[in-house]
Protein backbone atom coordinates (compact mmCIF):
# COMPACT_ATOMS: atom_id res chain seq x y z
CA ILE A 1 67.46 77.22 -21.54
CA THR A 2 71.13 76.59 -21.04
CA ASN A 3 72.00 78.98 -23.92
CA TYR A 4 69.51 81.62 -22.62
CA LEU A 5 71.15 81.44 -19.14
CA ALA A 6 74.72 81.43 -20.65
CA GLY A 7 73.93 84.58 -22.55
CA LEU A 8 72.47 86.24 -19.52
CA VAL A 9 75.52 85.36 -17.37
CA GLN A 10 78.16 86.34 -20.04
CA SER A 11 76.50 89.69 -20.73
CA THR A 12 76.35 90.78 -17.07
CA GLN A 13 79.59 89.42 -15.66
CA ASP A 14 81.19 92.89 -15.44
CA ASP A 15 78.53 93.93 -13.01
CA LEU A 16 77.40 90.69 -11.25
CA GLU A 17 79.16 87.83 -9.75
CA TRP A 18 77.58 84.50 -10.62
CA LYS A 19 77.71 80.89 -9.52
CA VAL A 20 75.44 78.28 -11.34
CA TRP A 21 74.01 75.06 -9.86
CA SER A 22 72.44 72.86 -12.38
CA THR A 23 70.26 69.70 -11.88
CA VAL A 24 70.43 68.90 -15.52
CA PRO A 25 72.76 66.04 -16.54
CA GLY A 26 75.25 66.82 -19.26
CA THR A 27 75.72 70.48 -18.33
CA ASP A 28 79.06 69.94 -16.65
CA THR A 29 80.86 71.53 -19.67
CA ASN A 30 80.29 74.91 -17.92
CA PRO A 31 78.82 76.93 -20.90
CA TRP A 32 78.33 79.86 -18.47
CA ASP A 33 82.05 80.66 -18.11
CA CYS A 34 81.68 81.10 -14.38
CA PRO A 35 81.94 78.77 -11.30
CA SER A 36 79.36 75.98 -11.58
CA GLU A 37 78.25 72.72 -10.05
CA VAL A 38 76.14 69.89 -11.42
CA LEU A 39 73.83 68.26 -8.86
CA ASP A 40 72.78 64.70 -9.36
CA ILE A 41 69.24 64.49 -7.84
CA GLY A 42 67.89 62.02 -10.31
CA ARG A 43 65.90 58.92 -9.45
CA HIS A 44 68.09 55.86 -10.18
CA LEU A 45 66.10 52.66 -10.07
CA GLY A 46 67.83 50.01 -7.93
CA GLU A 47 69.55 52.42 -5.61
CA TRP A 48 66.78 52.22 -3.05
CA SER A 49 65.86 48.95 -1.19
CA GLY A 50 62.82 47.34 -2.61
CA ASP A 51 63.01 48.99 -6.04
CA HIS A 52 62.58 45.56 -7.64
CA ILE A 53 59.02 45.25 -6.18
CA PRO A 54 56.47 47.52 -7.98
CA ILE A 55 54.54 48.70 -4.88
CA TRP A 56 57.79 49.50 -3.03
CA ARG A 57 59.21 51.24 -6.19
CA LYS A 58 56.18 53.58 -6.18
CA LEU A 59 56.61 54.27 -2.41
CA ASN A 60 60.32 54.92 -2.91
CA SER A 61 59.61 57.34 -5.78
CA PHE A 62 57.15 59.24 -3.52
CA LEU A 63 59.81 59.39 -0.68
CA TRP A 64 62.43 60.49 -3.23
CA ARG A 65 60.30 63.49 -4.29
CA TRP A 66 60.05 64.61 -0.72
CA ALA A 67 63.72 64.07 -0.14
CA LYS A 68 64.42 66.60 -3.00
CA ARG A 69 62.60 69.17 -0.94
CA GLY A 70 64.92 68.68 1.94
CA LYS A 71 67.99 68.75 -0.26
CA ALA A 72 66.86 72.07 -1.68
CA ILE A 73 66.47 73.58 1.83
CA LYS A 74 69.91 72.36 2.83
CA LEU A 75 71.53 73.69 -0.39
CA ILE A 76 69.91 77.08 -0.18
CA ARG A 77 70.98 77.40 3.51
CA GLU A 78 74.58 76.53 2.45
CA ILE A 79 74.34 79.13 -0.40
CA LYS A 80 73.07 81.78 2.09
CA ASN A 81 75.80 81.06 4.59
CA ASP A 82 78.71 80.72 2.06
CA PHE A 83 77.85 83.21 -0.62
CA ARG A 84 75.32 85.67 0.91
CA PRO A 85 73.72 86.18 -2.50
CA ASP A 86 71.69 89.28 -3.36
CA ALA A 87 69.22 86.94 -5.15
CA VAL A 88 68.73 83.40 -6.50
CA LEU A 89 67.76 83.09 -10.19
CA ILE A 90 65.46 80.15 -10.92
CA ALA A 91 66.29 79.47 -14.57
CA ARG A 92 63.13 77.38 -15.22
CA TRP A 93 60.13 76.57 -13.09
CA CYS A 94 59.59 72.90 -12.51
CA GLU A 95 59.46 70.41 -9.63
CA GLU A 96 63.04 71.18 -8.52
CA GLY A 97 62.52 74.89 -9.16
CA HIS A 98 59.46 74.83 -6.92
CA HIS A 99 61.57 73.40 -4.13
CA TRP A 100 64.19 76.06 -4.62
CA CYS A 101 61.57 78.85 -4.42
CA ARG A 102 60.16 77.31 -1.17
CA ALA A 103 63.69 77.13 0.28
CA CYS A 104 64.44 80.74 -0.72
CA ARG A 105 61.30 81.92 1.05
CA ARG A 106 62.25 79.83 4.15
CA TRP A 107 65.65 81.44 4.43
CA ASN A 108 64.46 84.96 3.29
CA ILE A 109 66.49 85.09 0.11
CA PRO A 110 64.93 87.05 -2.76
CA TYR A 111 64.48 84.96 -5.92
CA VAL A 112 63.86 85.71 -9.56
CA ILE A 113 62.06 83.32 -11.98
CA ILE A 114 62.66 83.08 -15.83
CA GLY A 115 59.63 81.89 -17.74
CA HIS A 116 59.94 80.07 -21.01
CA GLY A 117 56.26 79.29 -21.74
CA LEU A 118 55.94 75.54 -22.09
CA GLU A 119 56.54 74.79 -18.34
CA PHE A 120 53.32 76.67 -17.54
CA ARG A 121 51.28 74.81 -20.12
CA GLU A 122 52.53 71.31 -20.11
CA LYS A 123 50.88 68.53 -18.00
CA GLN A 124 52.99 68.06 -14.85
CA PRO A 125 53.77 64.61 -13.54
CA GLN A 126 52.04 63.25 -10.53
CA LEU A 127 53.31 65.34 -7.66
CA PRO A 128 52.61 65.12 -3.96
CA TRP A 129 51.46 68.86 -3.94
CA ASN A 130 49.06 71.15 -5.77
CA VAL A 131 50.72 72.44 -8.84
CA ALA A 132 48.41 75.49 -9.34
CA GLY A 133 48.91 76.53 -5.65
CA ALA A 134 52.68 76.06 -5.97
CA LEU A 135 52.74 78.33 -8.95
CA ARG A 136 50.65 81.06 -7.40
CA SER A 137 52.98 81.08 -4.41
CA ASP A 138 56.24 80.86 -6.37
CA LEU A 139 55.38 83.37 -9.01
CA GLY A 140 53.36 85.69 -6.58
CA GLU A 141 56.29 86.00 -4.06
CA ALA A 142 59.09 86.25 -6.65
CA MET A 143 61.15 89.42 -6.41
CA HIS A 144 60.88 89.66 -10.14
CA GLY A 145 59.74 87.42 -13.14
CA PHE A 146 61.30 87.53 -16.52
CA ALA A 147 59.44 86.08 -19.57
CA ASN A 148 60.90 85.24 -22.94
CA SER A 149 57.99 86.75 -24.67
CA GLU A 150 54.74 88.72 -24.17
CA ALA A 151 52.80 85.45 -24.73
CA THR A 152 54.73 83.81 -21.89
CA LEU A 153 54.36 86.91 -19.71
CA GLY A 154 50.53 86.69 -20.16
CA LEU A 155 50.60 83.12 -18.80
CA MET A 156 52.76 84.15 -15.80
CA LEU A 157 50.51 87.03 -14.91
CA LYS A 158 47.42 84.82 -14.98
CA LEU A 159 49.17 82.32 -12.69
CA GLY A 160 50.06 84.85 -9.99
CA LEU A 161 53.10 86.90 -11.09
CA LYS A 162 52.79 90.66 -10.06
CA GLU A 163 52.73 92.89 -13.12
CA GLU A 164 54.81 95.57 -11.36
CA ARG A 165 57.43 92.91 -10.79
CA SER A 166 57.63 91.56 -14.36
CA SER A 167 59.48 92.13 -17.53
CA VAL A 168 59.94 90.60 -20.94
CA LEU A 169 63.53 89.49 -21.66
CA PRO A 170 63.67 87.81 -25.03
CA PRO A 171 66.56 85.44 -25.60
CA GLY A 172 69.46 86.66 -27.73
CA LEU A 173 71.82 84.85 -30.13
CA MET A 174 75.53 84.76 -29.50
CA PRO A 175 77.22 85.30 -32.90
CA GLU A 176 79.60 82.41 -32.30
CA GLU A 177 76.66 80.09 -32.00
CA ALA A 178 75.96 80.45 -35.75
CA MET A 179 79.38 78.82 -36.38
CA VAL A 180 79.27 79.98 -39.98
CA ASP A 181 83.01 79.66 -40.40
CA ARG A 182 83.04 75.99 -39.31
CA ALA A 183 79.89 74.94 -41.20
CA GLN A 184 80.14 71.53 -42.74
CA PRO A 185 77.71 69.70 -44.95
CA ARG A 186 77.16 66.03 -45.40
CA GLY A 187 78.41 64.92 -48.74
CA ALA A 188 75.02 64.26 -50.36
CA TRP A 189 73.77 67.79 -49.57
CA THR A 190 76.14 70.01 -51.46
CA GLU A 191 74.35 70.23 -54.80
CA LYS A 192 70.84 70.63 -53.57
CA ARG A 193 68.53 73.59 -53.23
CA PHE A 194 66.15 73.05 -50.36
CA VAL A 195 63.63 74.47 -47.92
CA LEU A 196 64.72 73.71 -44.23
CA CYS A 197 62.49 72.64 -41.37
CA LEU A 198 64.64 72.02 -38.26
CA GLY A 199 63.88 71.33 -34.60
CA ARG A 200 62.68 68.70 -32.15
CA LEU A 201 60.08 66.49 -34.04
CA VAL A 202 57.07 67.25 -31.87
CA PHE A 203 53.53 67.86 -32.96
CA ARG A 204 53.36 71.49 -31.99
CA LYS A 205 56.18 72.46 -34.38
CA GLY A 206 53.98 71.42 -37.37
CA PHE A 207 56.49 69.63 -39.54
CA ASP A 208 53.51 67.60 -41.07
CA LEU A 209 52.13 70.97 -42.17
CA GLY A 210 55.51 71.83 -43.64
CA ILE A 211 55.36 68.65 -45.69
CA GLU A 212 51.86 69.43 -46.81
CA ALA A 213 52.77 72.96 -47.77
CA PHE A 214 55.78 71.70 -49.80
CA GLU A 215 53.57 69.33 -51.72
CA MET A 216 51.34 72.21 -52.67
CA VAL A 217 54.09 74.13 -54.40
CA ALA A 218 56.41 71.34 -55.47
CA ASP A 219 55.31 71.40 -59.08
CA GLU A 220 56.06 75.09 -59.30
CA PHE A 221 59.66 74.52 -58.13
CA PRO A 222 60.80 71.30 -59.53
CA GLU A 223 64.42 71.78 -58.52
CA MET A 224 63.56 72.40 -54.82
CA GLU A 225 63.80 69.82 -52.02
CA LEU A 226 62.63 69.70 -48.44
CA PHE A 227 64.98 68.86 -45.51
CA VAL A 228 63.27 67.91 -42.19
CA VAL A 229 66.06 67.96 -39.63
CA GLY A 230 65.92 66.65 -36.08
CA ASP A 231 64.59 63.81 -33.95
CA GLY A 232 61.75 63.32 -31.61
CA PRO A 233 58.39 61.45 -30.91
CA GLU A 234 56.93 62.37 -34.32
CA ARG A 235 59.75 60.84 -36.38
CA GLU A 236 57.96 57.61 -37.24
CA SER A 237 54.71 59.42 -38.09
CA LEU A 238 56.57 61.85 -40.32
CA ALA A 239 58.47 59.04 -41.95
CA SER A 240 55.16 57.40 -42.89
CA ARG A 241 53.77 60.70 -44.15
CA VAL A 242 56.80 61.09 -46.47
CA GLU A 243 56.32 57.56 -47.74
CA GLU A 244 52.78 58.46 -48.87
CA SER A 245 53.81 61.73 -50.40
CA PRO A 246 53.69 62.11 -54.22
CA VAL A 247 56.98 63.97 -53.93
CA ARG A 248 58.62 61.63 -51.43
CA ARG A 249 61.89 61.52 -53.42
CA ARG A 250 62.31 65.25 -52.74
CA ILE A 251 61.80 65.09 -49.01
CA THR A 252 64.58 64.04 -46.63
CA LEU A 253 64.38 63.23 -42.97
CA THR A 254 68.03 63.71 -41.97
CA GLY A 255 67.73 62.78 -38.29
CA GLU A 256 69.88 64.77 -35.77
CA VAL A 257 72.75 66.82 -37.00
CA ASN A 258 75.84 68.26 -35.32
CA ALA A 259 76.44 72.02 -34.78
CA GLU A 260 78.58 72.32 -37.93
CA GLU A 261 76.01 70.60 -40.15
CA LYS A 262 73.25 72.72 -38.65
CA ALA A 263 75.26 75.91 -39.44
CA TRP A 264 75.65 74.77 -42.91
CA LEU A 265 71.96 73.95 -43.36
CA MET A 266 71.04 77.40 -42.12
CA ALA A 267 73.54 79.22 -44.45
CA GLN A 268 72.59 77.15 -47.58
CA CYS A 269 68.80 76.82 -47.33
CA GLU A 270 66.47 78.90 -49.57
CA LEU A 271 64.14 79.69 -46.58
CA PHE A 272 63.43 78.34 -43.08
CA LEU A 273 60.03 76.89 -42.32
CA MET A 274 58.52 75.92 -38.87
CA PRO A 275 54.73 76.23 -39.03
CA ASN A 276 54.18 75.67 -35.36
CA ARG A 277 50.52 75.18 -34.33
CA PRO A 278 48.68 75.82 -31.07
CA VAL A 279 48.26 72.69 -29.06
CA GLU A 280 46.55 72.13 -25.69
CA GLY A 281 49.12 71.67 -22.91
CA ASP A 282 52.01 72.81 -25.20
CA MET A 283 53.50 76.06 -26.37
CA GLU A 284 56.24 77.63 -28.43
CA GLY A 285 57.37 80.23 -25.98
CA PHE A 286 59.68 82.05 -28.34
CA GLY A 287 61.77 80.23 -30.97
CA ILE A 288 65.51 80.95 -30.93
CA VAL A 289 65.74 78.81 -34.14
CA PHE A 290 64.10 81.77 -36.05
CA LEU A 291 66.88 84.06 -34.88
CA GLU A 292 69.48 81.63 -36.00
CA ALA A 293 67.88 81.49 -39.48
CA GLY A 294 67.73 85.27 -39.43
CA TRP A 295 71.32 85.52 -38.49
CA ALA A 296 72.13 83.41 -41.59
CA GLY A 297 70.18 85.87 -43.65
CA LYS A 298 67.18 83.73 -44.49
CA ALA A 299 63.49 84.58 -44.71
CA VAL A 300 61.42 82.48 -42.30
CA ILE A 301 57.84 81.20 -42.12
CA GLY A 302 56.43 80.44 -38.64
CA GLY A 303 53.05 79.96 -37.09
CA ASN A 304 51.17 82.82 -35.63
CA ASN A 305 50.89 81.58 -32.06
CA GLY A 306 52.74 81.55 -28.84
CA GLY A 307 55.88 83.70 -28.84
CA VAL A 308 56.81 83.06 -32.45
CA PRO A 309 55.36 86.26 -33.87
CA GLU A 310 57.71 88.13 -31.38
CA ALA A 311 60.69 86.22 -32.66
CA ILE A 312 59.76 86.99 -36.29
CA GLU A 313 59.49 90.77 -35.99
CA ASP A 314 61.58 91.94 -38.92
CA LEU A 315 59.38 93.11 -41.83
CA SER A 316 61.51 91.03 -44.18
CA LEU A 317 60.26 87.86 -42.47
CA ILE A 318 56.80 86.31 -42.75
CA HIS A 319 54.49 84.88 -40.07
CA ILE A 320 51.18 83.25 -40.97
């Protein structure tokens, strides 16, 4: 989402003046190349009196959620008075995003929402308000809604976005993000031929299916290996799956890699594989990683669900 917003800001700076407020920790490096501010609105256990007592901790968490609403109202009022913006862009709908939408409506500031897909499918945490009703209001009263794919747009329209105020705006890839000139391998990788699976290790991305597919063709390509790159909640399950594989010596779980190592893997792999699957409450809204593999000149294989078929639109690529 940060990269999506950074590309949008950088490509429109000649025509628009931007300032970014972020509630995401770790975004204080200013990837947007414009004035920005990071807001710490997180819940820090121990900062409220009574946090050491379970019943009081729950009450404090409830009050903290309501306090965020007040903070949003105050902030949007300050933005209106200090900057007089033509519109506020909500980069991702979530609990904080909902409070920003409400505050914009309160102070009569037009707002635009960017939809990425997953936020409209995932189970929301326990909130002191009706999520479906909040979505209908926030999307229905938005000045415009941008979706990263037709699949995401379909969800947003069902949830209340007005079709006449909607557009598909797929994410792009900044050439410097590929970092081909700075690509660096780990020493043990340099002599290998491999198929690459890369991403957060979650069930929807189908890395277990990638392992299964590799096993099916391993005998036909005895020199080929499989690299599964990334970390996430499925790591232990995948490690167990690899241990049981008859070709386990040819499958490597690398863990997380840095940007230079990622660029090298993309440049050197034989093909890129992420056979994502449809999962209730989850969604692959687009898949920038497919663009990254395509930029490296690789054929890719991806699941035919969510926004992935739209990411894989070149006829030289494959979707199943």
